[in-house]
N, C-alpha and C. Protein backbone atom coordinates (compact mmCIF):
# COMPACT_ATOMS: atom_id res chain seq x y z
N MET A 1 28.58 33.70 -69.69
CA MET A 1 29.71 33.28 -68.88
C MET A 1 29.26 32.08 -68.04
N ASN A 2 30.08 31.05 -68.04
CA ASN A 2 29.75 29.88 -67.23
C ASN A 2 30.65 29.81 -65.99
N GLY A 3 30.46 28.78 -65.18
CA GLY A 3 31.22 28.64 -63.94
C GLY A 3 32.72 28.53 -64.15
N ALA A 4 33.12 27.86 -65.22
CA ALA A 4 34.55 27.71 -65.50
C ALA A 4 35.17 29.06 -65.85
N HIS A 5 34.46 29.84 -66.64
CA HIS A 5 34.96 31.15 -67.05
C HIS A 5 35.13 32.07 -65.83
N LEU A 6 34.12 32.10 -64.97
CA LEU A 6 34.18 32.92 -63.77
C LEU A 6 35.34 32.48 -62.87
N HIS A 7 35.51 31.19 -62.73
CA HIS A 7 36.60 30.65 -61.90
C HIS A 7 37.96 31.08 -62.45
N LEU A 8 38.12 30.98 -63.75
CA LEU A 8 39.40 31.37 -64.36
C LEU A 8 39.69 32.85 -64.16
N ILE A 9 38.68 33.68 -64.28
CA ILE A 9 38.89 35.12 -64.09
C ILE A 9 39.31 35.41 -62.65
N LEU A 10 38.60 34.85 -61.70
CA LEU A 10 38.84 35.16 -60.29
C LEU A 10 40.13 34.56 -59.74
N THR A 11 40.53 33.40 -60.20
CA THR A 11 41.71 32.75 -59.63
C THR A 11 43.00 33.49 -59.95
N HIS A 12 43.03 34.19 -61.05
CA HIS A 12 44.26 34.89 -61.41
C HIS A 12 44.54 36.09 -60.51
N LEU A 13 43.50 36.66 -59.92
CA LEU A 13 43.69 37.85 -59.08
C LEU A 13 44.57 37.56 -57.85
N PRO A 14 44.27 36.54 -57.04
CA PRO A 14 45.16 36.26 -55.90
C PRO A 14 46.54 35.74 -56.32
N ILE A 15 46.59 34.99 -57.40
CA ILE A 15 47.88 34.44 -57.85
C ILE A 15 48.86 35.56 -58.19
N VAL A 16 48.36 36.62 -58.79
CA VAL A 16 49.20 37.76 -59.14
C VAL A 16 49.26 38.77 -57.99
N GLY A 17 48.13 38.98 -57.33
CA GLY A 17 48.04 40.02 -56.31
C GLY A 17 48.82 39.75 -55.04
N VAL A 18 48.84 38.52 -54.58
CA VAL A 18 49.51 38.22 -53.31
C VAL A 18 51.02 38.45 -53.40
N PRO A 19 51.69 37.96 -54.44
CA PRO A 19 53.13 38.29 -54.54
C PRO A 19 53.38 39.80 -54.62
N LEU A 20 52.49 40.53 -55.28
CA LEU A 20 52.64 41.99 -55.34
C LEU A 20 52.45 42.62 -53.96
N ALA A 21 51.50 42.11 -53.18
CA ALA A 21 51.30 42.61 -51.82
C ALA A 21 52.52 42.30 -50.95
N VAL A 22 53.12 41.12 -51.16
CA VAL A 22 54.35 40.77 -50.42
C VAL A 22 55.45 41.78 -50.75
N LEU A 23 55.61 42.06 -52.04
CA LEU A 23 56.64 43.02 -52.44
C LEU A 23 56.36 44.42 -51.87
N LEU A 24 55.11 44.81 -51.86
CA LEU A 24 54.74 46.12 -51.30
C LEU A 24 55.03 46.17 -49.79
N LEU A 25 54.76 45.08 -49.10
CA LEU A 25 55.05 45.04 -47.66
C LEU A 25 56.57 45.12 -47.42
N ILE A 26 57.33 44.39 -48.21
CA ILE A 26 58.80 44.45 -48.08
C ILE A 26 59.29 45.87 -48.37
N TRP A 27 58.79 46.45 -49.43
CA TRP A 27 59.18 47.82 -49.80
C TRP A 27 58.83 48.79 -48.67
N GLY A 28 57.64 48.64 -48.13
CA GLY A 28 57.22 49.51 -47.03
C GLY A 28 58.10 49.36 -45.81
N ARG A 29 58.51 48.14 -45.52
CA ARG A 29 59.40 47.91 -44.36
C ARG A 29 60.77 48.53 -44.62
N LEU A 30 61.30 48.31 -45.83
CA LEU A 30 62.62 48.85 -46.16
C LEU A 30 62.63 50.37 -46.15
N ARG A 31 61.57 50.97 -46.64
CA ARG A 31 61.47 52.44 -46.71
C ARG A 31 60.87 53.04 -45.43
N GLN A 32 60.49 52.17 -44.52
CA GLN A 32 59.84 52.58 -43.28
C GLN A 32 58.62 53.46 -43.55
N SER A 33 57.86 53.02 -44.56
CA SER A 33 56.65 53.74 -44.96
C SER A 33 55.42 53.07 -44.38
N GLN A 34 54.79 53.72 -43.42
CA GLN A 34 53.57 53.19 -42.82
C GLN A 34 52.46 53.09 -43.87
N ASP A 35 52.42 54.05 -44.79
CA ASP A 35 51.38 54.03 -45.83
C ASP A 35 51.50 52.79 -46.72
N ASN A 36 52.71 52.48 -47.16
CA ASN A 36 52.91 51.29 -47.99
C ASN A 36 52.61 50.00 -47.22
N GLN A 37 53.01 49.97 -45.97
CA GLN A 37 52.75 48.78 -45.16
C GLN A 37 51.25 48.59 -44.96
N ARG A 38 50.55 49.67 -44.68
CA ARG A 38 49.09 49.57 -44.48
C ARG A 38 48.40 49.21 -45.79
N ALA A 39 48.89 49.73 -46.90
CA ALA A 39 48.31 49.38 -48.20
C ALA A 39 48.51 47.88 -48.48
N ALA A 40 49.67 47.37 -48.15
CA ALA A 40 49.94 45.93 -48.33
C ALA A 40 49.02 45.09 -47.45
N LEU A 41 48.86 45.52 -46.20
CA LEU A 41 47.98 44.79 -45.28
C LEU A 41 46.54 44.81 -45.78
N PHE A 42 46.10 45.95 -46.26
CA PHE A 42 44.76 46.05 -46.83
C PHE A 42 44.62 45.12 -48.05
N ALA A 43 45.66 45.09 -48.88
CA ALA A 43 45.64 44.21 -50.05
C ALA A 43 45.53 42.75 -49.63
N PHE A 44 46.23 42.35 -48.58
CA PHE A 44 46.14 40.97 -48.09
C PHE A 44 44.71 40.63 -47.65
N VAL A 45 44.07 41.56 -46.96
CA VAL A 45 42.69 41.33 -46.51
C VAL A 45 41.77 41.17 -47.72
N LEU A 46 41.89 42.08 -48.67
CA LEU A 46 41.07 42.03 -49.88
C LEU A 46 41.33 40.75 -50.67
N LEU A 47 42.59 40.41 -50.83
CA LEU A 47 42.95 39.20 -51.59
C LEU A 47 42.52 37.92 -50.89
N ALA A 48 42.49 37.94 -49.56
CA ALA A 48 41.98 36.77 -48.83
C ALA A 48 40.51 36.55 -49.18
N GLY A 49 39.74 37.63 -49.22
CA GLY A 49 38.33 37.52 -49.61
C GLY A 49 38.18 37.03 -51.03
N LEU A 50 39.00 37.55 -51.94
CA LEU A 50 38.94 37.11 -53.34
C LEU A 50 39.34 35.64 -53.48
N THR A 51 40.28 35.20 -52.66
CA THR A 51 40.70 33.80 -52.69
C THR A 51 39.54 32.89 -52.30
N VAL A 52 38.81 33.27 -51.27
CA VAL A 52 37.65 32.49 -50.84
C VAL A 52 36.60 32.44 -51.95
N VAL A 53 36.34 33.58 -52.57
CA VAL A 53 35.36 33.62 -53.66
C VAL A 53 35.83 32.75 -54.83
N ALA A 54 37.11 32.84 -55.17
CA ALA A 54 37.65 32.01 -56.26
C ALA A 54 37.49 30.52 -55.93
N LYS A 55 37.76 30.17 -54.67
CA LYS A 55 37.62 28.77 -54.24
C LYS A 55 36.16 28.31 -54.38
N LEU A 56 35.24 29.19 -54.00
CA LEU A 56 33.82 28.83 -54.09
C LEU A 56 33.35 28.65 -55.54
N THR A 57 33.99 29.32 -56.48
CA THR A 57 33.59 29.16 -57.88
C THR A 57 34.17 27.89 -58.50
N GLY A 58 35.04 27.21 -57.76
CA GLY A 58 35.64 25.98 -58.28
C GLY A 58 34.64 24.88 -58.56
N GLU A 59 33.62 24.78 -57.75
CA GLU A 59 32.60 23.74 -57.96
C GLU A 59 31.85 23.96 -59.28
N GLY A 60 31.55 25.22 -59.58
CA GLY A 60 30.89 25.53 -60.85
C GLY A 60 31.77 25.19 -62.04
N ALA A 61 33.08 25.43 -61.89
CA ALA A 61 34.02 25.08 -62.95
C ALA A 61 34.09 23.56 -63.12
N GLU A 62 34.08 22.85 -62.01
CA GLU A 62 34.12 21.39 -62.08
C GLU A 62 32.86 20.84 -62.73
N ASP A 63 31.72 21.45 -62.46
CA ASP A 63 30.47 21.00 -63.10
C ASP A 63 30.55 21.12 -64.62
N VAL A 64 31.17 22.18 -65.10
CA VAL A 64 31.35 22.36 -66.55
C VAL A 64 32.25 21.26 -67.09
N LEU A 65 33.33 20.96 -66.37
CA LEU A 65 34.28 19.93 -66.82
C LEU A 65 33.67 18.53 -66.81
N LYS A 66 32.80 18.27 -65.84
CA LYS A 66 32.18 16.94 -65.74
C LYS A 66 31.33 16.62 -66.96
N ALA A 67 30.88 17.65 -67.65
CA ALA A 67 30.06 17.44 -68.85
C ALA A 67 30.92 17.04 -70.05
N LEU A 68 32.23 17.16 -69.94
CA LEU A 68 33.12 16.82 -71.05
C LEU A 68 33.39 15.32 -71.08
N PRO A 69 33.58 14.77 -72.27
CA PRO A 69 33.83 13.33 -72.37
C PRO A 69 35.16 12.89 -71.76
N ASP A 70 36.14 13.80 -71.68
CA ASP A 70 37.45 13.44 -71.15
C ASP A 70 37.73 14.13 -69.82
N TYR A 71 36.73 14.12 -68.93
CA TYR A 71 36.83 14.77 -67.62
C TYR A 71 38.07 14.26 -66.88
N PRO A 72 39.03 15.15 -66.60
CA PRO A 72 40.28 14.73 -65.95
C PRO A 72 40.16 14.69 -64.43
N ARG A 73 39.45 13.72 -63.91
CA ARG A 73 39.10 13.63 -62.49
C ARG A 73 40.33 13.76 -61.57
N SER A 74 41.37 13.02 -61.82
CA SER A 74 42.53 13.05 -60.90
C SER A 74 43.21 14.42 -60.91
N TRP A 75 43.27 15.05 -62.07
CA TRP A 75 43.89 16.39 -62.15
C TRP A 75 43.04 17.41 -61.40
N VAL A 76 41.74 17.31 -61.54
CA VAL A 76 40.83 18.24 -60.87
C VAL A 76 40.95 18.08 -59.36
N HIS A 77 41.00 16.85 -58.89
CA HIS A 77 41.07 16.62 -57.44
C HIS A 77 42.41 17.04 -56.85
N SER A 78 43.50 16.88 -57.60
CA SER A 78 44.80 17.38 -57.13
C SER A 78 44.76 18.90 -56.99
N HIS A 79 44.18 19.55 -57.99
CA HIS A 79 44.04 21.01 -57.97
C HIS A 79 43.15 21.45 -56.80
N GLU A 80 42.07 20.74 -56.60
CA GLU A 80 41.12 21.07 -55.54
C GLU A 80 41.74 20.91 -54.14
N ASP A 81 42.50 19.83 -53.95
CA ASP A 81 43.15 19.61 -52.66
C ASP A 81 44.16 20.72 -52.35
N MET A 82 44.93 21.11 -53.35
CA MET A 82 45.90 22.18 -53.13
C MET A 82 45.20 23.52 -52.93
N ALA A 83 44.07 23.72 -53.61
CA ALA A 83 43.30 24.96 -53.44
C ALA A 83 42.78 25.08 -52.01
N ASP A 84 42.42 23.96 -51.39
CA ASP A 84 42.00 23.99 -49.98
C ASP A 84 43.13 24.52 -49.10
N LYS A 85 44.33 24.01 -49.31
CA LYS A 85 45.49 24.43 -48.52
C LYS A 85 45.82 25.91 -48.76
N ALA A 86 45.81 26.30 -50.02
CA ALA A 86 46.13 27.69 -50.36
C ALA A 86 45.09 28.65 -49.78
N THR A 87 43.83 28.25 -49.81
CA THR A 87 42.77 29.11 -49.27
C THR A 87 42.92 29.28 -47.76
N ILE A 88 43.21 28.20 -47.07
CA ILE A 88 43.41 28.28 -45.61
C ILE A 88 44.59 29.20 -45.30
N ALA A 89 45.69 29.02 -46.01
CA ALA A 89 46.86 29.88 -45.78
C ALA A 89 46.53 31.34 -46.06
N MET A 90 45.78 31.59 -47.12
CA MET A 90 45.45 32.98 -47.47
C MET A 90 44.47 33.60 -46.48
N VAL A 91 43.53 32.81 -45.99
CA VAL A 91 42.59 33.33 -44.98
C VAL A 91 43.37 33.69 -43.70
N LEU A 92 44.30 32.84 -43.30
CA LEU A 92 45.13 33.15 -42.13
C LEU A 92 45.95 34.42 -42.37
N THR A 93 46.49 34.57 -43.57
CA THR A 93 47.24 35.78 -43.92
C THR A 93 46.35 37.00 -43.81
N GLY A 94 45.15 36.90 -44.38
CA GLY A 94 44.21 38.02 -44.35
C GLY A 94 43.78 38.38 -42.94
N LEU A 95 43.53 37.37 -42.13
CA LEU A 95 43.12 37.64 -40.73
C LEU A 95 44.25 38.31 -39.95
N LEU A 96 45.46 37.83 -40.13
CA LEU A 96 46.59 38.43 -39.43
C LEU A 96 46.82 39.86 -39.94
N ALA A 97 46.64 40.07 -41.22
CA ALA A 97 46.77 41.43 -41.78
C ALA A 97 45.68 42.34 -41.21
N LEU A 98 44.48 41.80 -41.06
CA LEU A 98 43.38 42.59 -40.49
C LEU A 98 43.68 42.98 -39.04
N VAL A 99 44.22 42.05 -38.26
CA VAL A 99 44.62 42.35 -36.89
C VAL A 99 45.66 43.47 -36.90
N SER A 100 46.60 43.40 -37.82
CA SER A 100 47.63 44.44 -37.93
C SER A 100 47.03 45.79 -38.28
N LEU A 101 46.02 45.79 -39.12
CA LEU A 101 45.38 47.05 -39.52
C LEU A 101 44.59 47.66 -38.36
N VAL A 102 43.96 46.82 -37.57
CA VAL A 102 43.11 47.30 -36.48
C VAL A 102 43.94 47.88 -35.34
N LYS A 103 45.10 47.27 -35.11
CA LYS A 103 45.97 47.76 -34.04
C LYS A 103 46.54 49.12 -34.42
N LYS A 104 46.65 49.98 -33.44
CA LYS A 104 47.22 51.31 -33.70
C LYS A 104 48.73 51.20 -33.97
N GLN A 105 49.41 50.43 -33.19
CA GLN A 105 50.84 50.23 -33.35
C GLN A 105 51.08 48.78 -33.74
N THR A 106 51.53 48.56 -34.96
CA THR A 106 51.80 47.20 -35.43
C THR A 106 53.24 46.84 -35.10
N SER A 107 53.41 45.71 -34.44
CA SER A 107 54.76 45.28 -34.07
C SER A 107 55.48 44.69 -35.27
N GLY A 108 56.80 44.72 -35.18
CA GLY A 108 57.62 44.13 -36.23
C GLY A 108 57.40 42.63 -36.34
N ALA A 109 57.14 41.99 -35.21
CA ALA A 109 56.90 40.54 -35.20
C ALA A 109 55.61 40.21 -35.93
N LEU A 110 54.59 41.02 -35.72
CA LEU A 110 53.31 40.79 -36.39
C LEU A 110 53.45 40.98 -37.91
N LEU A 111 54.15 42.01 -38.31
CA LEU A 111 54.39 42.24 -39.75
C LEU A 111 55.24 41.12 -40.36
N ALA A 112 56.21 40.64 -39.59
CA ALA A 112 57.05 39.53 -40.07
C ALA A 112 56.20 38.27 -40.26
N ALA A 113 55.26 38.05 -39.34
CA ALA A 113 54.36 36.89 -39.46
C ALA A 113 53.47 37.03 -40.70
N VAL A 114 52.95 38.24 -40.94
CA VAL A 114 52.14 38.47 -42.14
C VAL A 114 52.99 38.22 -43.39
N LEU A 115 54.22 38.71 -43.36
CA LEU A 115 55.11 38.53 -44.51
C LEU A 115 55.39 37.05 -44.76
N LEU A 116 55.69 36.30 -43.73
CA LEU A 116 55.95 34.86 -43.89
C LEU A 116 54.72 34.11 -44.39
N LEU A 117 53.56 34.44 -43.83
CA LEU A 117 52.33 33.81 -44.30
C LEU A 117 52.02 34.23 -45.74
N GLY A 118 52.31 35.48 -46.07
CA GLY A 118 52.10 35.95 -47.43
C GLY A 118 52.99 35.23 -48.43
N LEU A 119 54.24 35.01 -48.05
CA LEU A 119 55.16 34.25 -48.91
C LEU A 119 54.67 32.81 -49.09
N SER A 120 54.26 32.20 -47.98
CA SER A 120 53.74 30.82 -48.06
C SER A 120 52.48 30.76 -48.91
N SER A 121 51.60 31.73 -48.71
CA SER A 121 50.37 31.77 -49.50
C SER A 121 50.68 31.95 -50.99
N SER A 122 51.65 32.80 -51.28
CA SER A 122 52.05 33.01 -52.68
C SER A 122 52.48 31.70 -53.33
N ALA A 123 53.34 30.98 -52.63
CA ALA A 123 53.83 29.71 -53.17
C ALA A 123 52.69 28.72 -53.38
N LEU A 124 51.82 28.63 -52.40
CA LEU A 124 50.68 27.70 -52.51
C LEU A 124 49.72 28.11 -53.63
N LEU A 125 49.46 29.39 -53.76
CA LEU A 125 48.56 29.86 -54.81
C LEU A 125 49.15 29.63 -56.20
N ILE A 126 50.43 29.89 -56.35
CA ILE A 126 51.08 29.68 -57.65
C ILE A 126 51.06 28.20 -58.01
N TYR A 127 51.36 27.34 -57.05
CA TYR A 127 51.34 25.90 -57.32
C TYR A 127 49.92 25.43 -57.63
N THR A 128 48.95 25.95 -56.90
CA THR A 128 47.55 25.61 -57.16
C THR A 128 47.16 26.02 -58.57
N GLY A 129 47.58 27.20 -58.98
CA GLY A 129 47.30 27.67 -60.34
C GLY A 129 47.96 26.79 -61.39
N ALA A 130 49.18 26.35 -61.10
CA ALA A 130 49.87 25.46 -62.04
C ALA A 130 49.12 24.13 -62.18
N LEU A 131 48.64 23.61 -61.07
CA LEU A 131 47.84 22.37 -61.12
C LEU A 131 46.54 22.60 -61.89
N GLY A 132 45.92 23.76 -61.67
CA GLY A 132 44.69 24.09 -62.39
C GLY A 132 44.93 24.21 -63.89
N GLY A 133 46.07 24.76 -64.25
CA GLY A 133 46.41 24.86 -65.67
C GLY A 133 46.53 23.50 -66.33
N GLN A 134 47.01 22.52 -65.58
CA GLN A 134 47.18 21.18 -66.12
C GLN A 134 45.86 20.46 -66.34
N VAL A 135 44.80 20.95 -65.72
CA VAL A 135 43.49 20.31 -65.90
C VAL A 135 43.07 20.35 -67.36
N ARG A 136 43.21 21.50 -68.01
CA ARG A 136 42.77 21.62 -69.41
C ARG A 136 43.91 21.83 -70.39
N HIS A 137 45.08 22.20 -69.91
CA HIS A 137 46.22 22.40 -70.81
C HIS A 137 47.11 21.16 -70.76
N THR A 138 46.71 20.17 -71.49
CA THR A 138 47.43 18.90 -71.45
C THR A 138 48.86 19.03 -71.95
N GLU A 139 49.15 20.06 -72.73
CA GLU A 139 50.49 20.20 -73.27
C GLU A 139 51.54 20.52 -72.20
N ILE A 140 51.11 20.94 -71.00
CA ILE A 140 52.09 21.24 -69.95
C ILE A 140 52.21 20.10 -68.94
N ARG A 141 51.48 19.04 -69.13
CA ARG A 141 51.59 17.88 -68.24
C ARG A 141 52.84 17.08 -68.59
N GLY A 142 53.42 16.46 -67.60
CA GLY A 142 54.59 15.62 -67.84
C GLY A 142 54.25 14.17 -68.07
N ASP A 143 52.96 13.81 -68.03
CA ASP A 143 52.58 12.41 -68.13
C ASP A 143 52.14 12.00 -69.53
N LEU A 144 52.25 12.88 -70.50
CA LEU A 144 51.80 12.56 -71.84
C LEU A 144 52.80 11.66 -72.56
N PRO A 145 52.33 10.76 -73.40
CA PRO A 145 53.27 9.95 -74.17
C PRO A 145 54.12 10.86 -75.06
N GLY A 146 55.42 10.66 -75.01
CA GLY A 146 56.31 11.45 -75.84
C GLY A 146 56.70 12.78 -75.22
N ALA A 147 56.24 13.10 -74.01
CA ALA A 147 56.55 14.38 -73.39
C ALA A 147 58.05 14.53 -73.11
N ASP A 148 58.75 13.39 -72.94
CA ASP A 148 60.17 13.46 -72.64
C ASP A 148 61.05 13.31 -73.88
N LEU A 149 60.44 13.23 -75.06
CA LEU A 149 61.21 13.07 -76.28
C LEU A 149 61.85 14.38 -76.71
N LYS A 150 63.03 14.28 -77.25
CA LYS A 150 63.74 15.44 -77.78
C LYS A 150 63.45 15.53 -79.28
N PRO A 151 63.54 16.73 -79.88
CA PRO A 151 63.32 16.83 -81.32
C PRO A 151 64.39 16.06 -82.08
N HIS A 152 64.03 15.58 -83.23
CA HIS A 152 64.96 14.88 -84.11
C HIS A 152 66.05 15.87 -84.50
N PRO A 153 67.34 15.42 -84.58
CA PRO A 153 68.43 16.36 -84.92
C PRO A 153 68.17 17.14 -86.21
N ALA A 154 67.51 16.52 -87.17
CA ALA A 154 67.24 17.22 -88.43
C ALA A 154 66.22 18.34 -88.23
N GLU A 155 65.37 18.23 -87.20
CA GLU A 155 64.35 19.24 -86.94
C GLU A 155 64.86 20.39 -86.10
N GLU A 156 65.98 20.20 -85.39
CA GLU A 156 66.49 21.25 -84.51
C GLU A 156 66.85 22.51 -85.26
N GLY A 157 67.41 22.40 -86.44
CA GLY A 157 67.81 23.57 -87.22
C GLY A 157 66.69 24.11 -88.09
N ALA A 158 65.56 23.42 -88.12
CA ALA A 158 64.46 23.83 -89.00
C ALA A 158 63.95 25.22 -88.65
N SER A 159 63.88 25.54 -87.38
CA SER A 159 63.36 26.85 -86.99
C SER A 159 64.30 27.97 -87.45
N GLN A 160 65.61 27.70 -87.49
CA GLN A 160 66.55 28.72 -87.97
C GLN A 160 66.33 28.98 -89.45
N HIS A 161 66.07 27.93 -90.22
CA HIS A 161 65.86 28.08 -91.65
C HIS A 161 64.58 28.88 -91.92
N ILE A 162 63.55 28.59 -91.16
CA ILE A 162 62.27 29.28 -91.35
C ILE A 162 62.39 30.76 -90.98
N ALA A 163 63.21 31.06 -89.98
CA ALA A 163 63.30 32.43 -89.49
C ALA A 163 64.17 33.34 -90.36
N GLN A 164 64.86 32.81 -91.35
CA GLN A 164 65.72 33.64 -92.19
C GLN A 164 64.87 34.55 -93.07
N PRO A 165 65.30 35.80 -93.22
CA PRO A 165 64.51 36.73 -94.03
C PRO A 165 64.55 36.39 -95.51
N VAL A 166 63.50 36.78 -96.20
CA VAL A 166 63.44 36.60 -97.65
C VAL A 166 64.23 37.73 -98.26
N MET A 167 65.11 37.40 -99.19
CA MET A 167 65.93 38.42 -99.84
C MET A 167 65.12 39.13 -100.92
N ALA A 168 65.30 40.42 -101.00
CA ALA A 168 64.55 41.21 -101.97
C ALA A 168 64.84 40.77 -103.40
N GLU A 169 66.08 40.32 -103.67
CA GLU A 169 66.43 39.94 -105.04
C GLU A 169 65.69 38.68 -105.51
N SER A 170 65.20 37.87 -104.59
CA SER A 170 64.49 36.66 -105.01
C SER A 170 63.17 37.00 -105.68
N HIS A 171 62.70 38.23 -105.51
CA HIS A 171 61.45 38.64 -106.11
C HIS A 171 61.66 39.55 -107.32
N ALA A 172 62.93 39.73 -107.73
CA ALA A 172 63.23 40.65 -108.83
C ALA A 172 62.62 40.19 -110.14
N ARG A 173 62.70 38.90 -110.43
CA ARG A 173 62.14 38.38 -111.67
C ARG A 173 61.13 37.30 -111.34
N PRO A 174 59.88 37.47 -111.73
CA PRO A 174 58.87 36.43 -111.45
C PRO A 174 59.32 35.08 -112.01
N GLY A 175 59.12 34.07 -111.22
CA GLY A 175 59.47 32.71 -111.64
C GLY A 175 60.92 32.36 -111.46
N HIS A 176 61.74 33.29 -111.06
CA HIS A 176 63.16 33.05 -110.86
C HIS A 176 63.45 32.95 -109.38
N HIS A 177 64.21 31.95 -108.98
CA HIS A 177 64.57 31.76 -107.59
C HIS A 177 66.08 31.85 -107.44
N ARG A 178 66.53 32.38 -106.31
CA ARG A 178 67.97 32.56 -106.08
C ARG A 178 68.73 31.26 -106.19
N ASP A 179 68.17 30.17 -105.69
CA ASP A 179 68.90 28.92 -105.69
C ASP A 179 69.01 28.29 -107.07
N GLU A 180 68.40 28.90 -108.09
CA GLU A 180 68.52 28.37 -109.45
C GLU A 180 69.75 28.92 -110.14
N ASP A 181 70.42 29.93 -109.56
CA ASP A 181 71.61 30.53 -110.20
C ASP A 181 72.79 29.62 -110.17
């Protein structure tokens, strides 16, 4: 496993986990479940730590990319800049969640602040992940030549023709095809 592989594994955890923690916190508030709310707060703290670790593995991933002949420097730096912002937002979310966990009575205002920071962190992490995907998945970039081209009208129906099932009768006699009738 190299630095890029480790980075890819770790980055997906906060991208998926933070929105789930947001949903759990909302569910806990709606159901007035202290257990669900505390579980969400704990998840935010854990995910903040994972976000920092994922950010730290970014340099190792970049080192792997620098060895490639087509190192996409501008894409990597855009991803890195957004990762800085997302990490700061997530650390703030985690710290506020930790304060909420330590307090015996968590106020509604404090939980609302964690929720808002969690939503912001989710958006930043998802966008950071999208930028990271563009580093090596050139097919999702909008800057490629021909990216804005539409398929030729003759090609639009081609997928429908390919998807049609083969009729059993076409195989009844070897060498005989239905369209020869």
